[in-house]
Every structure is written in structure tokens, then in C-alpha cells.
Amino acid sequence: MLEKLKEKVLKANLELPKRNLVTYTWGNVSEIDRESKLIVIKPSGVDYDEMTEEDMVVVDLKGDIVEGKLRPSSDTPTHIELYKKYPDIGGIVHTHSSWATSWAQSGKSIPVMGTTHADYFYGEIPCTRKLSEEEIMSEYEKQTGLVIIETFKDRNPMYTPGVIVNDHGPFNWGKDSNEAVHNAVVMEEVAKMAFRAKMLSPEDNGADEALVTKHFLRKHGENAYYGQG
């Protein structure tokens, strides 16, 4: 079952090393089939050079394995919480890409320093609060999903398709796995740009709100006119 989706998710996972977003096995991509409510996700700890379509694991929204001979990614519970909460999310990617992870390890959100960021993320890319010791010791990966949801309490996750988890790293999402990976690539680039901009001009508080709004809405707003439609 879901053979085409397995192939798609495999290709999305293989984009991560191609885009220099992962080292060794440090990442995972998933996509959900909303009709069947089943998720296809990368297996845990399998090298990208050796991974095949048959290695992809199918799980349900309880985390139970429906199909597959390998264990799913250890981050599966995080993915599940986001899929359950946000019906518009169709694909999720997690990496430990170095620039975005540097912001996560500093506990700082990624500020909007210019239009490249604003073309994809409406406002800063938020950093979650730290997990408590109790949360870490109790269903850690599920709690990671819940702290992301808490962070987006007053945010539109489709307007800001990514987050950095404090002391951990980035998660991105989109309408499918391909869009999620695309957003992860963009996040890494804007994280690098923001770091450099703040190093060059620490007093700069970022791009003007009017410019941020203009750039985001011309691509994603109701009357968007960027591109060919």
C-alpha cells in the first residue's frame, strides 16, 4: 500500500544530503496520506546511501507500524502531533542543519533581516521554550511536538512553515514532503544570512514590517502575483 507515496518520501529524504542539510543519518522526512490517515516516514538510523523505497515505514496516527520491516524514525511522535493538530500540513522534515541549529542552540528565534526571509516566512522563525526535565523524561518526542504547537498558539503554521526547537534543531513543513524540504533549504539559507547580518550590524532590528508584509503576500496572499500562477 502507498507505494507511490513511499517513492516520493524516499526521494524527499534523499534531497537532504544533496542540499547539505544532514550529516550521516541526522534527519528525516515524512508525508501523510490524509484519506487513509497513514504516514510514510524514514526508518531510524539508516544511511541515506543505502536507503531504499522498501525501507520506508508506514505508521498510523497512533504511531503503530502498519507496514515496514524497520523501526520508524525516533522523531515519529513529533511528526504525528503536528499532523494531528494541523490538517493543512502534508509533509514534515527535521534536520540538524548547522546554521538553523546554531540559532536553536542559542535559544534565539531567527529574525527577519530581509526580503529573502520574507518571501517564505511571515515574521521571525520562532524558537520554542526549553523543555522541562519532566517533559524530557516523559514521552520526549511527543513533548517536542507539543511544545511546537504551544509556540504556534497565535501563529499561522502555513505562513511560518518552520520552527527551531530550543537546544535541538529545525522542523519544517508544507503541503507535502517536497514543499517541506524546500522550506528547510530556505530556512537554512536565511538562518545563515541572518547570522551574518547580525554580525555585521548588531544594532539592526530587521526589515521594516511593510516590506516584510509586501514580500510575503505578493507570493502567498489572496492576490499573489509573483511567479506564473
Protein backbone atom coordinates (compact mmCIF):
# COMPACT_ATOMS: atom_id res chain seq x y z
CA MET A 1 0.00 0.00 0.00
CA LEU A 2 1.01 3.64 -0.55
CA GLU A 3 3.79 2.59 -2.93
CA LYS A 4 3.85 5.90 -4.80
CA LEU A 5 4.00 7.81 -1.54
CA LYS A 6 6.92 5.67 -0.35
CA GLU A 7 8.80 6.51 -3.54
CA LYS A 8 8.03 10.21 -3.07
CA VAL A 9 9.12 10.23 0.57
CA LEU A 10 12.33 8.37 -0.27
CA LYS A 11 13.22 10.98 -2.90
CA ALA A 12 12.43 13.77 -0.44
CA ASN A 13 14.70 12.19 2.16
CA LEU A 14 17.50 11.84 -0.37
CA GLU A 15 17.30 15.57 -1.05
CA LEU A 16 18.57 16.29 2.47
CA PRO A 17 22.19 15.16 1.92
CA LYS A 18 22.14 16.61 -1.60
CA ARG A 19 21.26 20.00 -0.11
CA ASN A 20 23.82 19.67 2.68
CA LEU A 21 21.13 19.67 5.35
CA VAL A 22 22.18 16.47 7.10
CA THR A 23 25.32 14.70 8.28
CA TYR A 24 25.29 10.90 8.48
CA THR A 25 21.68 9.97 9.43
CA TRP A 26 20.73 13.24 11.19
CA GLY A 27 17.35 13.90 9.63
CA ASN A 28 14.01 12.59 8.46
CA VAL A 29 11.14 13.39 6.12
CA SER A 30 7.55 12.17 6.27
CA GLU A 31 4.31 12.69 4.38
CA ILE A 32 0.77 11.87 5.39
CA ASP A 33 -1.99 10.45 3.20
CA ARG A 34 -4.98 12.28 4.63
CA GLU A 35 -7.51 9.90 3.10
CA SER A 36 -6.11 6.81 4.81
CA LYS A 37 -4.63 8.78 7.75
CA LEU A 38 -1.37 6.90 7.28
CA ILE A 39 2.13 8.40 7.40
CA VAL A 40 5.17 7.32 5.41
CA ILE A 41 8.42 8.17 7.19
CA LYS A 42 12.14 7.43 7.02
CA PRO A 43 13.39 4.48 9.10
CA SER A 44 15.53 5.20 12.13
CA GLY A 45 19.30 5.32 11.73
CA VAL A 46 19.51 4.06 8.15
CA ASP A 47 22.27 5.55 6.00
CA TYR A 48 20.99 7.64 3.09
CA ASP A 49 23.37 5.90 0.68
CA GLU A 50 21.78 2.55 1.46
CA MET A 51 18.13 3.55 1.91
CA THR A 52 15.52 2.15 -0.49
CA GLU A 53 11.82 2.60 -1.12
CA GLU A 54 11.17 -0.68 0.69
CA ASP A 55 12.80 0.74 3.81
CA MET A 56 10.16 3.43 4.20
CA VAL A 57 7.87 2.77 7.17
CA VAL A 58 4.10 3.28 7.23
CA VAL A 59 2.57 4.23 10.58
CA ASP A 60 -0.86 5.33 11.73
CA LEU A 61 -1.69 8.36 13.85
CA LYS A 62 -1.17 6.27 16.98
CA GLY A 63 2.39 5.53 15.92
CA ASP A 64 1.71 1.85 15.27
CA ILE A 65 3.58 0.29 12.35
CA VAL A 66 1.17 -0.64 9.56
CA GLU A 67 3.80 -1.69 7.06
CA GLY A 68 7.58 -1.96 7.07
CA LYS A 69 10.34 -4.17 8.40
CA LEU A 70 12.31 -1.42 10.14
CA ARG A 71 11.65 0.90 13.07
CA PRO A 72 10.39 4.35 12.04
CA SER A 73 12.35 7.49 12.83
CA SER A 74 12.65 8.22 16.53
CA ASP A 75 11.06 11.61 15.76
CA THR A 76 7.85 9.99 14.53
CA PRO A 77 5.81 11.10 17.60
CA THR A 78 6.76 14.71 16.88
CA HIS A 79 5.54 14.40 13.30
CA ILE A 80 2.32 12.75 14.48
CA GLU A 81 1.44 15.57 16.88
CA LEU A 82 1.85 18.15 14.12
CA TYR A 83 -0.22 16.13 11.62
CA LYS A 84 -2.98 15.70 14.21
CA LYS A 85 -3.08 19.40 15.08
CA TYR A 86 -2.72 20.99 11.65
CA PRO A 87 -4.78 19.46 8.81
CA ASP A 88 -3.11 21.67 6.19
CA ILE A 89 0.30 20.14 6.87
CA GLY A 90 1.02 17.29 4.47
CA GLY A 91 4.77 16.83 4.86
CA ILE A 92 7.33 17.37 7.63
CA VAL A 93 11.14 17.44 7.68
CA HIS A 94 13.56 17.54 10.58
CA THR A 95 17.28 18.19 10.25
CA HIS A 96 20.23 19.34 12.29
CA SER A 97 21.39 21.76 9.60
CA SER A 98 24.22 23.81 11.06
CA TRP A 99 23.04 27.41 10.69
CA ALA A 100 19.47 26.84 11.86
CA THR A 101 20.70 24.58 14.65
CA SER A 102 23.11 27.28 15.78
CA TRP A 103 20.13 29.58 16.36
CA ALA A 104 18.31 26.75 18.17
CA GLN A 105 21.29 26.12 20.44
CA SER A 106 21.44 29.82 21.26
CA GLY A 107 17.72 29.78 22.14
CA LYS A 108 17.05 32.65 19.74
CA SER A 109 14.40 32.99 17.06
CA ILE A 110 15.62 33.75 13.54
CA PRO A 111 14.82 37.42 12.84
CA VAL A 112 13.56 38.73 9.50
CA MET A 113 16.58 40.61 8.23
CA GLY A 114 15.43 40.98 4.64
CA THR A 115 13.20 40.03 1.76
CA THR A 116 14.65 36.55 1.15
CA HIS A 117 13.29 35.50 4.53
CA ALA A 118 10.01 37.38 4.00
CA ASP A 119 9.35 35.61 0.70
CA TYR A 120 8.83 32.35 2.60
CA PHE A 121 8.32 33.05 6.31
CA TYR A 122 5.92 35.73 7.53
CA GLY A 123 7.77 37.09 10.53
CA GLU A 124 10.54 35.62 12.61
CA ILE A 125 11.08 31.88 12.67
CA PRO A 126 10.32 31.18 16.32
CA CYS A 127 12.41 29.26 18.78
CA THR A 128 10.46 27.20 21.29
CA ARG A 129 10.94 27.40 25.01
CA LYS A 130 13.16 24.82 26.66
CA LEU A 131 11.50 21.55 27.58
CA SER A 132 11.25 20.90 31.28
CA GLU A 133 13.03 17.94 32.85
CA GLU A 134 9.66 16.26 33.32
CA GLU A 135 8.83 16.72 29.63
CA ILE A 136 12.23 15.40 28.57
CA MET A 137 11.88 12.29 30.72
CA SER A 138 8.26 11.59 29.70
CA GLU A 139 7.47 10.91 26.02
CA TYR A 140 10.24 13.27 24.91
CA GLU A 141 9.48 13.21 21.18
CA LYS A 142 5.75 13.72 21.73
CA GLN A 143 6.52 16.62 24.07
CA THR A 144 8.68 18.12 21.34
CA GLY A 145 5.64 18.18 19.08
CA LEU A 146 3.51 19.68 21.81
CA VAL A 147 5.98 22.49 22.54
CA ILE A 148 5.99 23.35 18.83
CA ILE A 149 2.19 23.52 18.91
CA GLU A 150 2.38 25.71 22.01
CA THR A 151 4.78 28.05 20.19
CA PHE A 152 2.30 28.38 17.31
CA LYS A 153 -0.67 29.15 19.53
CA ASP A 154 -1.05 32.61 17.95
CA ARG A 155 0.66 31.90 14.64
CA ASN A 156 -0.43 30.51 11.30
CA PRO A 157 1.82 27.49 10.69
CA MET A 158 1.33 27.76 6.93
CA TYR A 159 2.53 31.36 6.97
CA THR A 160 5.57 30.41 9.04
CA PRO A 161 6.33 26.87 7.84
CA GLY A 162 9.10 26.11 10.27
CA VAL A 163 10.35 26.33 13.83
CA ILE A 164 13.58 25.79 15.73
CA VAL A 165 13.31 23.70 18.87
CA ASN A 166 15.38 25.13 21.72
CA ASP A 167 18.72 23.33 22.13
CA HIS A 168 17.70 20.88 19.40
CA GLY A 169 17.18 21.95 15.80
CA PRO A 170 14.77 22.85 13.00
CA PHE A 171 11.49 21.32 11.90
CA ASN A 172 9.82 22.41 8.66
CA TRP A 173 6.58 21.52 6.96
CA GLY A 174 4.49 22.17 3.87
CA LYS A 175 1.58 20.88 1.86
CA ASP A 176 3.65 17.77 1.03
CA SER A 177 7.13 16.37 1.62
CA ASN A 178 8.64 18.20 -1.35
CA GLU A 179 7.46 21.58 -0.10
CA ALA A 180 8.64 20.76 3.42
CA VAL A 181 12.16 20.04 2.14
CA HIS A 182 12.08 23.21 0.05
CA ASN A 183 11.20 25.20 3.16
CA ALA A 184 14.01 23.51 5.09
CA VAL A 185 16.52 24.54 2.42
CA VAL A 186 15.27 28.12 2.56
CA MET A 187 15.34 28.18 6.36
CA GLU A 188 18.99 27.14 6.39
CA GLU A 189 19.90 29.89 3.95
CA VAL A 190 18.02 32.64 5.79
CA ALA A 191 19.47 31.42 9.10
CA LYS A 192 22.94 31.89 7.63
CA MET A 193 22.07 35.30 6.19
CA ALA A 194 20.55 36.48 9.46
CA PHE A 195 23.60 35.41 11.44
CA ARG A 196 25.93 37.27 9.09
CA ALA A 197 23.72 40.36 9.06
CA LYS A 198 23.64 40.49 12.86
CA MET A 199 27.41 40.04 12.99
CA LEU A 200 27.89 42.93 10.56
CA SER A 201 25.26 45.14 12.15
CA PRO A 202 24.25 44.01 15.67
CA GLU A 203 22.03 47.05 16.16
CA ASP A 204 19.88 46.24 13.09
CA ASN A 205 16.44 45.08 14.24
CA GLY A 206 15.48 43.65 10.87
CA ALA A 207 13.45 44.55 7.82
CA ASP A 208 10.58 47.02 8.01
CA GLU A 209 7.17 45.45 8.62
CA ALA A 210 5.72 46.99 5.44
CA LEU A 211 8.47 45.40 3.33
CA VAL A 212 8.06 42.03 5.06
CA THR A 213 4.29 42.05 4.50
CA LYS A 214 4.64 43.12 0.88
CA HIS A 215 7.10 40.38 0.02
CA PHE A 216 5.20 37.62 1.77
CA LEU A 217 1.77 38.50 0.44
CA ARG A 218 2.89 39.02 -3.14
CA LYS A 219 3.81 35.32 -3.15
CA HIS A 220 1.30 33.83 -0.70
CA GLY A 221 -1.55 36.30 -0.24
CA GLU A 222 -5.05 36.22 -1.72
CA ASN A 223 -3.96 38.47 -4.59
CA ALA A 224 -0.50 36.98 -5.05
CA TYR A 225 1.17 37.94 -8.30
CA TYR A 226 4.71 36.53 -8.01
CA GLY A 227 5.54 33.76 -10.50
CA GLN A 228 3.31 32.30 -13.21
CA GLY A 229 0.37 31.19 -11.04
